[in-house]
Amino acid sequence: MKSKDLYPAVFSRHAADYARRLDGIIANGEARGRLRALELAGARPGMRMLDLACGPGTLTRLLAAQVAPGGEVVGIDLAEGMLELARRSAPPNARFELMDMEQLAFADASFDGAVCGHGLQFVPNLGQALSEARRVLRPGGVLAASVPAAAVKDDVWSLIDSVVDRWLPARPVVVDEGATRAAVRDGNLFAEAARGAGFGAARVESIDEVVVWQTAEQLVSTFMGWWDFAYRIEGLDASRRDAFEDEALDAVRASHPGAITTHGRTLVLVASK
């Protein structure tokens, strides 16, 4: 299976759950990597900004507030379901378009800056996507992009994985994502890819993230809706889905009876034209 045959459809089907989770971690300050990308992009009043892989428009709305008055933000994504949600809550100075990061339908030097929050890891041709981002930036414009780093395996995730492996089908093999995944998980390779795409300067920051879950129920109910679990759960009938969720909940409760802290890491690229 190819990336563009899998991910846009999955994200469309599970857009509402994704939006709730992203809104929550942004509101709690837990999405430090994405927030750092916003900071590094340097949006100011009057600027025209591009939000690549905008999803439900969570970062787009924040950018729109930063460029007001007089500025505009354009969000693009390949998931129709995400764009539908984004348009429902779009501020007046933001608009959304169905578009591929590898083939941006904008003129050269159209934007003052660009942001991509956890989207570049899904692009089959990373160099092409970065080249397109550079092309549409004005001289001196900045691309700031966050991607999840290699997973930090807290014991609670290892516990959940053991339940998942007994109940859920394996993830489908995506045949065209290997090179991109390898590049964006290594800060040096990620920065090198940006320079190879024509950016004059590029560096990558590593951002640690901590999430606190108040109860096992909160954690389990949330991961049941995460896109990377949710599309594998789709194949279960209702009774098996309930049994799977009950087993996961019992396992987490037994080992973590109170609040649960999990850890992650995000790489943030900042590249200037």
Protein backbone atom coordinates (compact mmCIF):
# COMPACT_ATOMS: atom_id res chain seq x y z
CA MET A 1 0.00 0.00 0.00
CA LYS A 2 1.17 3.55 -0.74
CA SER A 3 1.10 6.48 1.67
CA LYS A 4 -1.45 8.55 -0.23
CA ASP A 5 -3.79 5.57 -0.56
CA LEU A 6 -3.80 5.03 3.22
CA TYR A 7 -3.27 8.16 5.28
CA PRO A 8 -5.70 10.73 3.82
CA ALA A 9 -8.61 8.29 4.13
CA VAL A 10 -7.65 7.23 7.66
CA PHE A 11 -7.29 10.80 8.88
CA SER A 12 -10.59 11.76 7.25
CA ARG A 13 -12.48 8.97 9.01
CA HIS A 14 -10.97 9.81 12.40
CA ALA A 15 -10.74 13.58 12.07
CA ALA A 16 -13.01 14.39 15.03
CA ASP A 17 -11.05 12.26 17.51
CA TYR A 18 -7.77 13.64 16.19
CA ALA A 19 -9.01 17.21 16.57
CA ARG A 20 -10.17 16.66 20.16
CA ARG A 21 -6.83 15.18 21.14
CA LEU A 22 -4.79 17.89 19.42
CA ASP A 23 -6.92 20.69 20.86
CA GLY A 24 -6.43 19.19 24.32
CA ILE A 25 -2.66 18.90 24.23
CA ILE A 26 -2.31 22.37 22.69
CA ALA A 27 -4.54 23.86 25.41
CA ASN A 28 -2.51 22.09 28.12
CA GLY A 29 0.82 23.17 26.67
CA GLU A 30 1.78 19.53 26.15
CA ALA A 31 2.37 19.77 22.37
CA ARG A 32 5.66 21.55 22.91
CA GLY A 33 7.13 20.58 19.56
CA ARG A 34 4.26 21.99 17.53
CA LEU A 35 4.19 25.13 19.66
CA ARG A 36 7.94 25.56 19.18
CA ALA A 37 7.45 25.32 15.41
CA LEU A 38 4.91 28.13 15.61
CA GLU A 39 7.37 30.22 17.59
CA LEU A 40 10.23 29.61 15.15
CA ALA A 41 8.09 30.47 12.12
CA GLY A 42 8.04 34.09 13.32
CA ALA A 43 4.53 35.00 12.18
CA ARG A 44 3.71 38.68 12.66
CA PRO A 45 0.78 40.98 11.82
CA GLY A 46 0.33 41.45 8.11
CA MET A 47 2.18 38.31 7.04
CA ARG A 48 0.88 35.63 4.68
CA MET A 49 1.55 32.18 6.15
CA LEU A 50 1.13 28.62 4.88
CA ASP A 51 0.10 25.72 7.15
CA LEU A 52 1.19 22.45 5.51
CA ALA A 53 -0.74 19.29 6.48
CA CYS A 54 -3.02 21.57 8.48
CA GLY A 55 -5.36 18.81 9.68
CA PRO A 56 -8.37 20.21 11.56
CA GLY A 57 -6.88 23.72 11.53
CA THR A 58 -5.67 23.83 15.13
CA LEU A 59 -2.34 25.48 14.30
CA THR A 60 -3.92 27.47 11.46
CA ARG A 61 -6.18 29.26 13.91
CA LEU A 62 -3.22 30.15 16.12
CA LEU A 63 -1.31 31.46 13.11
CA ALA A 64 -4.33 33.48 12.00
CA ALA A 65 -4.38 35.26 15.34
CA GLN A 66 -0.64 36.00 15.06
CA VAL A 67 -0.87 37.58 11.59
CA ALA A 68 -3.95 39.69 12.34
CA PRO A 69 -4.64 42.40 11.48
CA GLY A 70 -3.95 42.42 7.78
CA GLY A 71 -2.45 38.95 7.40
CA GLU A 72 -3.72 35.68 5.97
CA VAL A 73 -3.14 31.97 6.56
CA VAL A 74 -3.77 29.21 4.03
CA GLY A 75 -4.02 25.64 5.31
CA ILE A 76 -3.61 22.68 2.98
CA ASP A 77 -4.19 18.97 3.53
CA LEU A 78 -5.04 15.81 1.59
CA ALA A 79 -7.65 14.60 4.10
CA GLU A 80 -11.10 15.90 3.16
CA GLY A 81 -12.47 15.07 6.61
CA MET A 82 -9.83 17.21 8.30
CA LEU A 83 -10.52 20.14 6.00
CA GLU A 84 -14.25 19.90 6.66
CA LEU A 85 -13.60 20.32 10.39
CA ALA A 86 -11.09 23.12 9.79
CA ARG A 87 -13.55 25.13 7.71
CA ARG A 88 -16.23 24.95 10.41
CA SER A 89 -14.12 26.97 12.83
CA ALA A 90 -12.07 29.04 10.39
CA PRO A 91 -11.42 32.66 11.37
CA PRO A 92 -12.05 35.29 8.67
CA ASN A 93 -8.38 35.51 7.69
CA ALA A 94 -7.87 31.75 7.17
CA ARG A 95 -8.86 29.50 4.30
CA PHE A 96 -8.31 25.83 3.53
CA GLU A 97 -7.57 23.93 0.34
CA LEU A 98 -7.28 20.27 -0.64
CA MET A 99 -3.69 20.06 -1.84
CA ASP A 100 -0.60 17.84 -1.91
CA MET A 101 2.54 19.14 -0.18
CA GLU A 102 4.57 17.70 -3.02
CA GLN A 103 2.65 19.75 -5.61
CA LEU A 104 1.72 23.13 -4.19
CA ALA A 105 -0.62 25.11 -6.44
CA PHE A 106 0.85 28.48 -5.46
CA ALA A 107 3.09 30.86 -7.32
CA ASP A 108 6.74 31.25 -6.41
CA ALA A 109 7.42 33.51 -3.41
CA SER A 110 3.76 33.57 -2.30
CA PHE A 111 4.26 33.31 1.47
CA ASP A 112 6.29 34.96 4.20
CA GLY A 113 6.59 31.73 6.18
CA ALA A 114 5.32 28.17 6.52
CA VAL A 115 4.56 25.76 9.34
CA CYS A 116 4.04 22.00 9.29
CA GLY A 117 2.87 20.31 12.49
CA HIS A 118 3.56 16.55 12.45
CA GLY A 119 2.98 16.12 8.73
CA LEU A 120 6.26 15.67 6.87
CA GLN A 121 6.70 12.09 8.12
CA PHE A 122 3.80 11.05 5.85
CA VAL A 123 5.29 12.48 2.63
CA PRO A 124 6.69 9.83 0.27
CA ASN A 125 9.18 12.24 -1.34
CA LEU A 126 10.57 14.40 1.45
CA GLY A 127 12.95 16.28 -0.83
CA GLN A 128 10.12 17.23 -3.19
CA ALA A 129 7.92 18.47 -0.34
CA LEU A 130 10.75 20.55 1.11
CA SER A 131 11.62 21.94 -2.33
CA GLU A 132 8.01 22.99 -2.87
CA ALA A 133 7.89 24.68 0.54
CA ARG A 134 11.07 26.59 -0.32
CA ARG A 135 9.74 27.59 -3.75
CA VAL A 136 6.61 29.28 -2.39
CA LEU A 137 8.50 31.19 0.33
CA ARG A 138 9.69 34.74 -0.18
CA PRO A 139 13.42 35.46 0.28
CA GLY A 140 14.23 35.19 3.98
CA GLY A 141 11.08 33.17 4.64
CA VAL A 142 11.19 30.38 7.22
CA LEU A 143 9.77 26.86 7.23
CA ALA A 144 9.30 25.45 10.74
CA ALA A 145 8.20 21.81 10.88
CA SER A 146 7.73 19.39 13.76
CA VAL A 147 7.82 15.60 13.49
CA PRO A 148 7.61 12.92 16.18
CA ALA A 149 11.00 11.43 17.04
CA ALA A 150 11.57 7.75 17.77
CA ALA A 151 9.08 6.66 20.38
CA VAL A 152 9.96 6.86 24.06
CA LYS A 153 8.69 3.53 25.38
CA ASP A 154 7.15 4.22 28.76
CA ASP A 155 6.07 1.01 30.47
CA VAL A 156 2.39 1.85 30.03
CA TRP A 157 2.77 1.90 26.22
CA SER A 158 4.64 -1.41 26.30
CA LEU A 159 1.76 -2.79 28.36
CA ILE A 160 -0.82 -1.52 25.87
CA ASP A 161 1.21 -2.85 22.95
CA SER A 162 1.06 -6.32 24.48
CA VAL A 163 -2.75 -6.12 24.48
CA VAL A 164 -2.84 -4.62 20.98
CA ASP A 165 -0.71 -7.46 19.61
CA ARG A 166 -3.22 -10.03 20.87
CA TRP A 167 -6.28 -8.30 19.47
CA LEU A 168 -5.53 -6.12 16.47
CA PRO A 169 -4.30 -6.89 12.96
CA ALA A 170 -0.82 -5.74 12.05
CA ARG A 171 -0.35 -2.31 10.51
CA PRO A 172 -0.36 -2.44 6.72
CA VAL A 173 3.03 -2.21 5.06
CA VAL A 174 3.43 1.22 3.46
CA VAL A 175 5.90 0.70 0.65
CA ASP A 176 6.95 4.28 -0.08
CA GLU A 177 7.57 5.80 3.35
CA GLY A 178 10.83 4.21 4.50
CA ALA A 179 13.27 6.84 3.26
CA THR A 180 11.24 9.74 4.66
CA ARG A 181 10.72 8.06 8.05
CA ALA A 182 14.44 7.38 8.36
CA ALA A 183 15.35 10.97 7.49
CA VAL A 184 12.94 12.76 9.81
CA ARG A 185 13.87 10.63 12.82
CA ASP A 186 17.50 11.76 12.63
CA GLY A 187 18.10 15.45 13.26
CA ASN A 188 21.22 15.59 11.10
CA LEU A 189 19.55 13.85 8.17
CA PHE A 190 16.45 16.02 8.52
CA ALA A 191 18.48 19.24 8.36
CA GLU A 192 20.55 17.82 5.50
CA ALA A 193 17.36 17.09 3.55
CA ALA A 194 16.27 20.72 3.93
CA ARG A 195 19.64 22.01 2.73
CA GLY A 196 19.49 19.56 -0.16
CA ALA A 197 16.10 21.04 -1.09
CA GLY A 198 17.74 24.46 -1.47
CA PHE A 199 17.26 26.09 1.93
CA GLY A 200 20.22 28.31 2.76
CA ALA A 201 20.32 27.35 6.42
CA ALA A 202 18.67 24.57 8.41
CA ARG A 203 18.89 23.18 11.91
CA VAL A 204 16.86 20.81 14.06
CA GLU A 205 15.91 21.10 17.72
CA SER A 206 14.96 18.17 19.93
CA ILE A 207 12.00 18.91 22.20
CA ASP A 208 10.99 16.69 25.13
CA GLU A 209 7.27 16.38 25.81
CA VAL A 210 5.42 15.18 28.90
CA VAL A 211 1.74 14.28 29.05
CA VAL A 212 -0.15 13.65 32.29
CA TRP A 213 -3.22 11.43 32.15
CA GLN A 214 -5.47 11.78 35.18
CA THR A 215 -6.84 8.23 34.96
CA ALA A 216 -6.39 4.98 33.09
CA GLU A 217 -9.82 5.55 31.57
CA GLN A 218 -8.70 8.85 30.04
CA LEU A 219 -5.61 7.28 28.50
CA VAL A 220 -7.35 4.20 27.09
CA SER A 221 -10.37 6.05 25.71
CA THR A 222 -8.02 8.50 23.99
CA PHE A 223 -5.75 5.95 22.38
CA MET A 224 -8.80 4.05 21.07
CA GLY A 225 -9.45 7.09 18.86
CA TRP A 226 -5.87 7.79 17.77
CA TRP A 227 -5.54 7.34 14.04
CA ASP A 228 -2.74 4.75 14.24
CA PHE A 229 -4.84 2.49 16.48
CA ALA A 230 -8.30 3.50 15.28
CA TYR A 231 -7.99 2.23 11.71
CA ARG A 232 -6.87 -1.16 13.00
CA ILE A 233 -9.79 -1.27 15.44
CA GLU A 234 -12.25 -0.62 12.60
CA GLY A 235 -12.16 -4.28 11.59
CA LEU A 236 -13.41 -5.50 14.98
CA ASP A 237 -17.09 -6.11 15.58
CA ALA A 238 -18.67 -4.26 18.52
CA SER A 239 -18.31 -7.10 21.01
CA ARG A 240 -14.62 -7.67 20.22
CA ARG A 241 -13.95 -3.95 20.30
CA ASP A 242 -15.51 -3.71 23.78
CA ALA A 243 -13.55 -6.75 24.97
CA PHE A 244 -10.32 -5.29 23.64
CA GLU A 245 -10.94 -1.96 25.36
CA ASP A 246 -11.86 -3.70 28.64
CA GLU A 247 -8.68 -5.76 28.60
CA ALA A 248 -6.53 -2.73 27.87
CA LEU A 249 -8.23 -0.76 30.64
CA ASP A 250 -7.84 -3.56 33.18
CA ALA A 251 -4.15 -3.92 32.34
CA VAL A 252 -3.45 -0.20 32.70
CA ARG A 253 -5.47 0.13 35.90
CA ALA A 254 -3.64 -2.78 37.51
CA SER A 255 -0.21 -1.26 36.94
CA HIS A 256 -1.11 2.44 37.12
CA PRO A 257 -3.95 3.00 39.60
CA GLY A 258 -3.53 6.79 39.71
CA ALA A 259 -2.35 9.50 37.35
CA ILE A 260 -0.05 8.38 34.54
CA THR A 261 2.83 10.35 33.05
CA THR A 262 4.08 9.55 29.56
CA HIS A 263 7.03 10.97 27.67
CA GLY A 264 7.67 11.82 24.05
CA ARG A 265 10.13 13.67 21.90
CA THR A 266 9.66 15.89 18.86
CA LEU A 267 12.19 17.11 16.31
CA VAL A 268 11.63 20.64 15.02
CA LEU A 269 13.22 21.77 11.78
CA VAL A 270 13.76 25.47 11.13
CA ALA A 271 14.95 26.22 7.61
CA SER A 272 15.34 29.64 5.97
CA LYS A 273 15.32 30.55 2.29
